[in-house]
Amino acid sequence: MKASDLRGILTYIPRFREKVFVFALDGSIIAHENFSNILLDLAVLRSLNIRIVLVHGASLQIREEARATGSIITNADGTGVTDETTLKVAMYAANRITHEIMEGLASNDLRACYTNAVIAHPYGIVGGVDHLCTGRVERVDTEFLQQLLEKDIVPVIPPLGFDGDGRTFRVNSDGVAQEVAEALKATKLIYVTTQPGLLREGELVSQMSVAEAEDFLKKYRNEIPGDLVSKVDYSIKACREGVSRVHLVDGRVDEALLSEVFSNEGVGTMIYANEYQQIRRAMKKDVRNILSLIKQSIEAEELAKRTRQSVLQQINDYYVFEIDRHIVGCVAVHPYPEENKAELACMYVNNAHENQGIGSKLMLFAENVAREKGFKEIFALSTQAFNYFQQKGGYKEAGPDFLPAARREKYELSGRRSKVLFKTLQ
């Protein structure tokens, strides 16, 4: 790990200290060779005073146990009918996994506790079908879990629920994780799977709002791997019920958990509540980050050179696009009131966040700022992105004579021979 990685991690620690993260571990991940590394990642998170709750699945192990014993089971994932035989196999497999997790946590010097904190009742008769020993989560014993967390104990929750009469029910682990995260007001819910995340046309979707996730699920439900559909459903529900960040992470990738939690881009798919993204006015403390953000574009002669002093002098003209409090884009709106025009300048988006619509949002935002200030026209100078402004923003090309006198003088002195693009603001 590079020093820059460590500095990046340090920016997150104050925000995550003493916060609750709920991890939902697929049974297939627990059986994977990388599971020991996942336990190490969890130990790192715990060492940073992040409170951890583990919920695990068991469908893979249930199927394996059924094959090994010749048992005929009615379902493996806790969503259909669970007869007595299936429940017996599920209890055996779940208890075996829980013990394996407890051993792994102990080997990393973490104290843990197998809990019966999920109170369930029968799923009941649905569509005329009695689901027998399948259960619904009735409530989560948050007081019990909080007491464990306050004593630095990691709660381990199996895909089983219990009622007041001591009966056991098979419950779906994805749903349990969502209920636990909601009850504990968790900062993050992280589903650790054997899938890279959500894909669109073969490309990983790194992040989407809860509304975008709902649309994605409607359009592509049949194309999403079956074990991810449930997780997306519960991710949406979690965001709607107060969990601000839900992550789908490929647990087969070494250090995937740390990369997802402690990097701006992440390695999986994050579904977020709507407050996740925002454009705000830049402040003096942002100047260093703005210059660092646009440095590569200046070197490629896409943007005109800017100094710290020049940005500071016009700091009220600059706006930044944040994701999880990290600046990933910027734009400036420079006024020329005598000519009733404004300049859209310094628009840039971090390479890792391209093709996510951020540039369009910044462009529209800049136009709205200019419009609200009463300007009739907005213009931009570009050496390489002129097609973008024309195709995405409806800008038209003009000559240098269109520029305000003060801007025309700078244009001539720069020697960049940028194309002049403009748009009338209605």
Protein backbone atom coordinates (compact mmCIF):
# COMPACT_ATOMS: atom_id res chain seq x y z
CA MET A 1 0.00 0.00 0.00
CA LYS A 2 1.32 3.41 -1.01
CA ALA A 3 1.63 6.38 1.33
CA SER A 4 -1.04 8.17 -0.73
CA ASP A 5 -3.43 5.27 -0.02
CA LEU A 6 -2.84 5.65 3.71
CA ARG A 7 -3.48 9.39 3.53
CA GLY A 8 -6.71 8.66 1.69
CA ILE A 9 -7.82 6.26 4.41
CA LEU A 10 -7.11 8.84 7.11
CA THR A 11 -9.70 11.19 5.60
CA TYR A 12 -12.43 8.61 6.21
CA ILE A 13 -11.56 7.49 9.72
CA PRO A 14 -13.05 10.44 11.66
CA ARG A 15 -16.38 9.99 9.86
CA PHE A 16 -16.55 6.23 10.35
CA ARG A 17 -15.27 5.97 13.93
CA GLU A 18 -17.87 4.28 16.18
CA LYS A 19 -20.27 3.92 13.24
CA VAL A 20 -22.01 0.62 12.52
CA PHE A 21 -21.27 -1.33 9.33
CA VAL A 22 -23.40 -4.39 8.60
CA PHE A 23 -21.74 -7.01 6.40
CA ALA A 24 -23.87 -9.64 4.67
CA LEU A 25 -21.65 -12.58 3.73
CA ASP A 26 -22.88 -15.05 1.12
CA GLY A 27 -22.34 -18.69 1.96
CA SER A 28 -20.45 -19.00 -1.33
CA ILE A 29 -18.00 -16.31 -0.17
CA ILE A 30 -17.40 -18.07 3.14
CA ALA A 31 -16.45 -21.16 1.13
CA HIS A 32 -14.13 -19.16 -1.16
CA GLU A 33 -10.35 -19.23 -0.76
CA ASN A 34 -10.28 -15.44 -0.28
CA PHE A 35 -12.45 -15.59 2.87
CA SER A 36 -9.42 -15.52 5.15
CA ASN A 37 -8.42 -12.19 3.57
CA ILE A 38 -11.94 -10.85 4.11
CA LEU A 39 -11.55 -11.65 7.80
CA LEU A 40 -8.28 -9.69 7.80
CA ASP A 41 -10.07 -6.73 6.19
CA LEU A 42 -12.75 -6.92 8.90
CA ALA A 43 -10.03 -6.94 11.55
CA VAL A 44 -8.54 -3.77 10.01
CA LEU A 45 -11.93 -2.06 10.09
CA ARG A 46 -12.49 -3.08 13.69
CA SER A 47 -9.03 -1.76 14.65
CA LEU A 48 -10.19 1.64 13.36
CA ASN A 49 -13.08 1.60 15.85
CA ILE A 50 -15.70 0.79 13.23
CA ARG A 51 -18.44 -1.33 14.78
CA ILE A 52 -19.05 -4.49 12.78
CA VAL A 53 -22.09 -6.76 12.56
CA LEU A 54 -21.92 -9.93 10.44
CA VAL A 55 -24.94 -11.58 8.85
CA HIS A 56 -24.24 -14.72 6.88
CA GLY A 57 -26.04 -16.82 4.30
CA ALA A 58 -25.95 -20.58 3.92
CA SER A 59 -27.61 -21.58 0.65
CA LEU A 60 -24.47 -23.14 -0.86
CA GLN A 61 -23.76 -25.17 2.27
CA ILE A 62 -27.41 -26.22 2.56
CA ARG A 63 -27.33 -27.66 -0.95
CA GLU A 64 -24.02 -29.39 -0.24
CA GLU A 65 -25.33 -30.87 3.00
CA ALA A 66 -28.50 -32.08 1.25
CA ARG A 67 -26.42 -33.84 -1.41
CA ALA A 68 -24.11 -35.36 1.17
CA THR A 69 -26.96 -36.77 3.28
CA GLY A 70 -29.35 -37.56 0.44
CA SER A 71 -31.91 -35.20 1.91
CA ILE A 72 -34.60 -33.74 -0.30
CA ILE A 73 -34.98 -30.03 0.42
CA THR A 74 -37.69 -27.62 -0.66
CA ASN A 75 -35.49 -24.51 -0.97
CA ALA A 76 -31.98 -23.34 -0.11
CA ASP A 77 -32.25 -19.55 0.14
CA GLY A 78 -35.06 -19.13 2.63
CA THR A 79 -37.56 -17.59 0.21
CA GLY A 80 -39.85 -20.53 -0.54
CA VAL A 81 -41.46 -23.31 1.44
CA THR A 82 -39.26 -24.74 4.21
CA ASP A 83 -40.37 -28.15 5.42
CA GLU A 84 -39.03 -29.90 8.53
CA THR A 85 -36.29 -31.72 6.61
CA THR A 86 -35.09 -28.51 4.95
CA LEU A 87 -35.10 -26.67 8.27
CA LYS A 88 -33.02 -29.43 9.88
CA VAL A 89 -30.45 -29.26 7.05
CA ALA A 90 -30.46 -25.44 7.19
CA MET A 91 -29.86 -25.38 10.95
CA TYR A 92 -26.94 -27.79 10.65
CA ALA A 93 -25.34 -25.86 7.76
CA ALA A 94 -25.92 -22.46 9.37
CA ASN A 95 -24.45 -23.52 12.72
CA ARG A 96 -21.41 -24.98 10.97
CA ILE A 97 -20.83 -21.72 9.09
CA THR A 98 -21.30 -19.63 12.21
CA HIS A 99 -18.68 -21.72 13.99
CA GLU A 100 -16.30 -21.32 11.05
CA ILE A 101 -16.74 -17.54 11.16
CA MET A 102 -16.18 -17.50 14.91
CA GLU A 103 -12.95 -19.46 14.46
CA GLY A 104 -11.79 -17.03 11.76
CA LEU A 105 -12.55 -14.00 13.89
CA ALA A 106 -10.74 -15.55 16.87
CA SER A 107 -7.67 -16.15 14.72
CA ASN A 108 -7.65 -12.39 14.02
CA ASP A 109 -7.99 -11.55 17.73
CA LEU A 110 -11.61 -10.45 17.44
CA ARG A 111 -14.19 -11.35 20.07
CA ALA A 112 -17.51 -12.49 18.64
CA CYS A 113 -20.89 -13.82 19.72
CA TYR A 114 -23.45 -16.07 17.99
CA THR A 115 -26.75 -14.28 18.51
CA ASN A 116 -30.48 -14.99 18.45
CA ALA A 117 -31.27 -11.30 17.99
CA VAL A 118 -33.63 -11.84 15.04
CA ILE A 119 -37.18 -12.41 16.23
CA ALA A 120 -39.32 -14.01 13.54
CA HIS A 121 -42.82 -15.32 12.99
CA PRO A 122 -44.16 -17.75 10.37
CA TYR A 123 -44.20 -16.49 6.80
CA GLY A 124 -47.68 -17.91 6.66
CA ILE A 125 -49.95 -18.96 3.83
CA VAL A 126 -49.37 -17.03 0.61
CA GLY A 127 -51.33 -17.77 -2.54
CA GLY A 128 -52.83 -20.74 -0.84
CA VAL A 129 -49.39 -22.22 -0.06
CA ASP A 130 -48.29 -22.75 3.54
CA HIS A 131 -44.61 -21.82 3.81
CA LEU A 132 -44.29 -23.97 6.94
CA CYS A 133 -40.92 -23.25 8.63
CA THR A 134 -40.02 -20.23 6.53
CA GLY A 135 -40.11 -17.07 8.62
CA ARG A 136 -40.47 -13.29 8.35
CA VAL A 137 -38.40 -10.94 10.47
CA GLU A 138 -40.69 -9.45 13.09
CA ARG A 139 -38.12 -7.28 14.82
CA VAL A 140 -34.43 -7.06 15.70
CA ASP A 141 -33.28 -6.98 19.32
CA THR A 142 -31.25 -3.79 18.91
CA GLU A 143 -30.62 -3.36 22.64
CA PHE A 144 -28.91 -6.75 22.77
CA LEU A 145 -26.80 -5.99 19.68
CA GLN A 146 -25.83 -2.53 20.94
CA GLN A 147 -24.66 -3.99 24.24
CA LEU A 148 -22.41 -6.40 22.35
CA LEU A 149 -21.02 -3.65 20.13
CA GLU A 150 -20.28 -1.40 23.10
CA LYS A 151 -18.20 -4.24 24.59
CA ASP A 152 -16.21 -4.61 21.33
CA ILE A 153 -17.92 -7.90 20.51
CA VAL A 154 -18.80 -8.69 16.89
CA PRO A 155 -22.36 -10.07 16.63
CA VAL A 156 -22.66 -12.97 14.19
CA ILE A 157 -26.21 -13.48 12.92
CA PRO A 158 -27.22 -16.68 11.07
CA PRO A 159 -30.06 -16.94 8.51
CA LEU A 160 -32.37 -18.19 11.25
CA GLY A 161 -35.06 -16.45 13.26
CA PHE A 162 -36.55 -17.36 16.63
CA ASP A 163 -39.93 -16.73 18.20
CA GLY A 164 -41.05 -16.39 21.81
CA ASP A 165 -41.94 -20.08 22.02
CA GLY A 166 -38.40 -21.18 21.10
CA ARG A 167 -39.26 -22.21 17.54
CA THR A 168 -36.71 -21.71 14.76
CA PHE A 169 -37.50 -20.38 11.28
CA ARG A 170 -35.44 -20.23 8.13
CA VAL A 171 -35.11 -16.60 6.99
CA ASN A 172 -33.42 -15.06 3.98
CA SER A 173 -30.04 -13.59 4.94
CA ASP A 174 -30.30 -10.64 2.50
CA GLY A 175 -33.52 -9.57 4.21
CA VAL A 176 -32.05 -10.12 7.66
CA ALA A 177 -29.07 -7.89 6.81
CA GLN A 178 -31.40 -5.12 5.62
CA GLU A 179 -33.54 -5.36 8.77
CA VAL A 180 -30.47 -5.33 11.04
CA ALA A 181 -28.91 -2.36 9.22
CA GLU A 182 -32.16 -0.42 9.45
CA ALA A 183 -32.69 -1.25 13.14
CA LEU A 184 -29.15 -0.27 14.11
CA LYS A 185 -29.20 2.85 11.91
CA ALA A 186 -26.08 1.55 10.20
CA THR A 187 -23.88 3.89 8.20
CA LYS A 188 -23.25 1.18 5.61
CA LEU A 189 -24.76 -2.13 4.55
CA ILE A 190 -22.29 -4.16 2.50
CA TYR A 191 -23.32 -7.30 0.60
CA VAL A 192 -20.23 -9.43 -0.02
CA THR A 193 -20.93 -11.66 -3.01
CA THR A 194 -19.31 -13.67 -5.78
CA GLN A 195 -20.41 -11.09 -8.36
CA PRO A 196 -18.47 -7.95 -9.39
CA GLY A 197 -21.55 -5.77 -8.92
CA LEU A 198 -24.19 -4.52 -11.33
CA LEU A 199 -23.22 -4.47 -14.99
CA ARG A 200 -24.65 -2.36 -17.80
CA GLU A 201 -23.65 -3.56 -21.27
CA GLY A 202 -20.76 -5.45 -19.72
CA GLU A 203 -19.44 -2.43 -17.80
CA LEU A 204 -19.51 -2.16 -14.01
CA VAL A 205 -21.91 0.46 -12.68
CA SER A 206 -19.92 1.93 -9.81
CA GLN A 207 -22.74 3.93 -8.25
CA MET A 208 -26.39 4.79 -8.67
CA SER A 209 -29.03 6.59 -6.68
CA VAL A 210 -31.87 4.60 -5.18
CA ALA A 211 -34.19 5.95 -7.90
CA GLU A 212 -31.74 4.89 -10.61
CA ALA A 213 -31.46 1.45 -8.97
CA GLU A 214 -35.23 1.03 -9.10
CA ASP A 215 -35.27 1.90 -12.81
CA PHE A 216 -32.31 -0.39 -13.46
CA LEU A 217 -34.06 -3.28 -11.73
CA LYS A 218 -37.24 -2.76 -13.77
CA LYS A 219 -35.34 -2.71 -17.07
CA TYR A 220 -32.71 -5.38 -16.47
CA ARG A 221 -34.16 -7.72 -13.81
CA ASN A 222 -33.97 -10.70 -16.16
CA GLU A 223 -30.33 -9.96 -16.98
CA ILE A 224 -29.13 -9.63 -13.38
CA PRO A 225 -27.68 -12.83 -11.85
CA GLY A 226 -30.30 -14.42 -9.62
CA ASP A 227 -28.35 -14.07 -6.39
CA LEU A 228 -27.97 -10.32 -6.99
CA VAL A 229 -31.65 -9.55 -7.64
CA SER A 230 -32.53 -10.14 -4.00
CA LYS A 231 -29.65 -7.96 -2.86
CA VAL A 232 -30.67 -5.07 -5.12
CA ASP A 233 -34.25 -5.34 -3.88
CA TYR A 234 -33.13 -5.15 -0.26
CA SER A 235 -30.56 -2.44 -1.06
CA ILE A 236 -33.33 -0.23 -2.38
CA LYS A 237 -35.47 -0.94 0.66
CA ALA A 238 -32.55 -0.19 3.00
CA CYS A 239 -31.93 3.19 1.33
CA ARG A 240 -35.62 4.01 1.52
CA GLU A 241 -35.63 3.15 5.22
CA GLY A 242 -32.68 5.30 6.27
CA VAL A 243 -29.44 3.46 5.37
CA SER A 244 -27.57 6.00 3.27
CA ARG A 245 -25.07 3.67 1.54
CA VAL A 246 -25.44 0.06 0.39
CA HIS A 247 -22.58 -1.67 -1.40
CA LEU A 248 -22.41 -4.78 -3.60
CA VAL A 249 -18.82 -6.04 -3.42
CA ASP A 250 -17.02 -8.98 -5.03
CA GLY A 251 -15.51 -10.83 -2.09
CA ARG A 252 -13.30 -12.90 -4.39
CA VAL A 253 -11.09 -9.83 -4.96
CA ASP A 254 -8.31 -9.32 -2.43
CA GLU A 255 -8.70 -6.10 -0.38
CA ALA A 256 -12.08 -5.45 -2.03
CA LEU A 257 -13.69 -4.44 1.28
CA LEU A 258 -10.99 -1.90 2.13
CA SER A 259 -10.99 -0.52 -1.40
CA GLU A 260 -14.77 -0.11 -1.37
CA VAL A 261 -14.88 1.54 2.05
CA PHE A 262 -11.77 3.72 1.80
CA SER A 263 -11.65 4.89 -1.80
CA ASN A 264 -13.71 7.43 -3.66
CA GLU A 265 -14.28 5.19 -6.68
CA GLY A 266 -14.68 1.82 -4.94
CA VAL A 267 -14.54 -1.55 -6.70
CA GLY A 268 -18.18 -2.66 -6.64
CA THR A 269 -21.58 -1.03 -7.02
CA MET A 270 -22.88 1.45 -4.46
CA ILE A 271 -26.55 2.36 -4.17
CA TYR A 272 -27.01 5.58 -2.28
CA ALA A 273 -29.72 7.74 -0.82
CA ASN A 274 -30.26 10.95 -2.77
CA GLU A 275 -28.20 13.22 -0.53
CA TYR A 276 -25.04 11.44 -1.71
CA GLN A 277 -24.19 13.83 -4.54
CA GLN A 278 -24.19 17.60 -4.50
CA ILE A 279 -22.84 20.66 -6.25
CA ARG A 280 -21.77 23.44 -3.95
CA ARG A 281 -19.87 26.70 -4.11
CA ALA A 282 -16.11 26.24 -3.76
CA MET A 283 -14.32 27.53 -0.68
CA LYS A 284 -10.73 28.64 -0.14
CA LYS A 285 -9.86 25.29 1.41
CA ASP A 286 -10.88 23.61 -1.88
CA VAL A 287 -8.30 25.39 -4.04
CA ARG A 288 -5.62 22.73 -3.60
CA ASN A 289 -8.05 19.96 -4.51
CA ILE A 290 -9.33 21.87 -7.54
CA LEU A 291 -5.80 22.40 -8.86
CA SER A 292 -4.94 18.77 -8.25
CA LEU A 293 -8.14 17.69 -10.03
CA ILE A 294 -7.47 19.73 -13.21
CA LYS A 295 -3.67 19.29 -13.32
CA GLN A 296 -3.71 16.46 -15.86
CA SER A 297 -6.16 18.31 -18.10
CA ILE A 298 -3.96 21.42 -18.06
CA GLU A 299 -0.92 19.34 -19.00
CA ALA A 300 -2.92 17.88 -21.92
CA GLU A 301 -3.84 21.46 -22.92
CA GLU A 302 -7.54 20.72 -22.52
CA LEU A 303 -7.90 23.51 -19.96
CA ALA A 304 -6.09 26.82 -19.73
CA LYS A 305 -3.42 27.07 -17.05
CA ARG A 306 -4.55 28.35 -13.67
CA THR A 307 -2.53 29.31 -10.65
CA ARG A 308 -3.45 29.09 -7.01
CA GLN A 309 -3.62 32.87 -6.87
CA SER A 310 -5.90 33.18 -9.90
CA VAL A 311 -8.33 30.60 -8.52
CA LEU A 312 -8.29 32.25 -5.09
CA GLN A 313 -9.04 35.65 -6.61
CA GLN A 314 -12.13 34.24 -8.35
CA ILE A 315 -13.08 31.59 -5.79
CA ASN A 316 -16.70 32.85 -5.67
CA ASP A 317 -17.04 31.91 -9.35
CA TYR A 318 -16.11 28.24 -8.76
CA TYR A 319 -18.36 25.30 -7.91
CA VAL A 320 -17.44 21.71 -7.09
CA PHE A 321 -19.26 18.41 -7.51
CA GLU A 322 -18.87 16.18 -4.45
CA ILE A 323 -19.36 12.48 -4.00
CA ASP A 324 -19.26 11.39 -0.37
CA ARG A 325 -17.45 14.65 0.50
CA HIS A 326 -14.79 14.14 -2.15
CA ILE A 327 -14.45 16.59 -5.05
CA VAL A 328 -14.72 14.77 -8.38
CA GLY A 329 -15.68 17.65 -10.67
CA CYS A 330 -15.63 21.42 -10.93
CA VAL A 331 -16.89 24.31 -13.02
CA ALA A 332 -16.59 28.11 -12.94
CA VAL A 333 -19.03 30.82 -14.03
CA HIS A 334 -17.24 34.11 -14.73
CA PRO A 335 -19.49 37.17 -15.12
CA TYR A 336 -19.18 39.91 -17.74
CA PRO A 337 -22.07 42.15 -16.71
CA GLU A 338 -21.35 45.00 -19.13
CA GLU A 339 -21.95 42.68 -22.10
CA ASN A 340 -24.68 40.73 -20.25
CA LYS A 341 -22.72 37.52 -20.77
CA ALA A 342 -21.21 34.80 -18.56
CA GLU A 343 -18.40 32.37 -19.25
CA LEU A 344 -18.62 28.69 -18.44
CA ALA A 345 -15.03 27.79 -17.61
CA CYS A 346 -12.82 25.16 -16.00
CA MET A 347 -15.39 22.37 -16.37
CA TYR A 348 -13.73 19.08 -15.53
CA VAL A 349 -14.66 15.64 -14.18
CA ASN A 350 -12.27 13.12 -12.63
CA ASN A 351 -11.43 10.31 -15.09
CA ALA A 352 -12.78 7.70 -12.68
CA HIS A 353 -16.21 9.35 -12.81
CA GLU A 354 -16.56 9.93 -16.53
CA ASN A 355 -19.64 8.74 -18.43
CA GLN A 356 -21.87 9.10 -15.38
CA GLY A 357 -23.59 12.32 -16.41
CA ILE A 358 -21.60 14.54 -14.05
CA GLY A 359 -20.34 16.78 -16.86
CA SER A 360 -23.90 17.40 -18.06
CA LYS A 361 -25.01 18.23 -14.52
CA LEU A 362 -22.17 20.72 -14.12
CA MET A 363 -22.95 22.31 -17.47
CA LEU A 364 -26.66 22.69 -16.67
CA PHE A 365 -25.82 23.99 -13.20
CA ALA A 366 -23.53 26.65 -14.65
CA GLU A 367 -26.24 27.72 -17.09
CA ASN A 368 -28.75 27.99 -14.24
CA VAL A 369 -26.33 30.10 -12.21
CA ALA A 370 -25.85 32.44 -15.16
CA ARG A 371 -29.60 32.56 -15.80
CA GLU A 372 -30.40 33.34 -12.16
CA LYS A 373 -27.93 36.22 -12.28
CA GLY A 374 -29.80 37.68 -15.23
CA PHE A 375 -27.31 36.97 -18.03
CA LYS A 376 -28.76 36.47 -21.49
CA GLU A 377 -25.92 34.44 -22.99
CA ILE A 378 -23.27 32.03 -21.80
CA PHE A 379 -20.11 31.09 -23.67
CA ALA A 380 -17.28 28.59 -23.34
CA LEU A 381 -13.80 28.32 -24.88
CA SER A 382 -12.59 24.86 -25.79
CA THR A 383 -9.70 23.31 -27.67
CA GLN A 384 -10.80 19.68 -27.41
CA ALA A 385 -14.29 19.40 -25.89
CA PHE A 386 -16.17 21.58 -28.39
CA ASN A 387 -18.10 18.60 -29.80
CA TYR A 388 -19.33 17.82 -26.28
CA PHE A 389 -20.72 21.33 -25.80
CA GLN A 390 -22.37 21.27 -29.21
CA GLN A 391 -23.86 17.77 -29.00
CA LYS A 392 -24.75 17.61 -25.29
CA GLY A 393 -25.44 21.25 -24.54
CA GLY A 394 -26.75 22.69 -27.78
CA TYR A 395 -23.98 25.28 -28.00
CA LYS A 396 -23.20 27.01 -31.31
CA GLU A 397 -19.86 28.14 -32.65
CA ALA A 398 -19.01 31.82 -32.88
CA GLY A 399 -15.93 33.85 -33.71
CA PRO A 400 -13.62 35.65 -31.27
CA ASP A 401 -15.56 38.86 -31.89
CA PHE A 402 -18.38 37.36 -29.79
CA LEU A 403 -16.22 37.59 -26.67
CA PRO A 404 -16.44 40.47 -24.19
CA ALA A 405 -13.58 42.92 -24.71
CA ALA A 406 -11.70 41.90 -21.55
CA ARG A 407 -12.03 38.21 -22.41
CA ARG A 408 -11.03 38.81 -26.03
CA GLU A 409 -7.76 40.33 -24.88
CA LYS A 410 -6.93 37.26 -22.77
CA TYR A 411 -7.94 35.04 -25.69
CA GLU A 412 -5.46 36.71 -28.02
CA LEU A 413 -2.64 36.65 -25.47
CA SER A 414 -3.06 32.93 -24.69
CA GLY A 415 -2.35 31.75 -28.22
CA ARG A 416 -4.51 28.69 -27.60
CA ARG A 417 -6.85 29.46 -30.52
CA SER A 418 -9.75 27.87 -28.66
CA LYS A 419 -13.10 27.54 -30.36
CA VAL A 420 -15.71 29.96 -29.07
CA LEU A 421 -19.07 28.39 -28.27
CA PHE A 422 -22.17 30.14 -27.02
CA LYS A 423 -25.74 29.52 -25.97
CA THR A 424 -28.68 31.86 -25.51
CA LEU A 425 -30.26 31.53 -22.09
CA GLN A 426 -34.06 31.52 -22.16
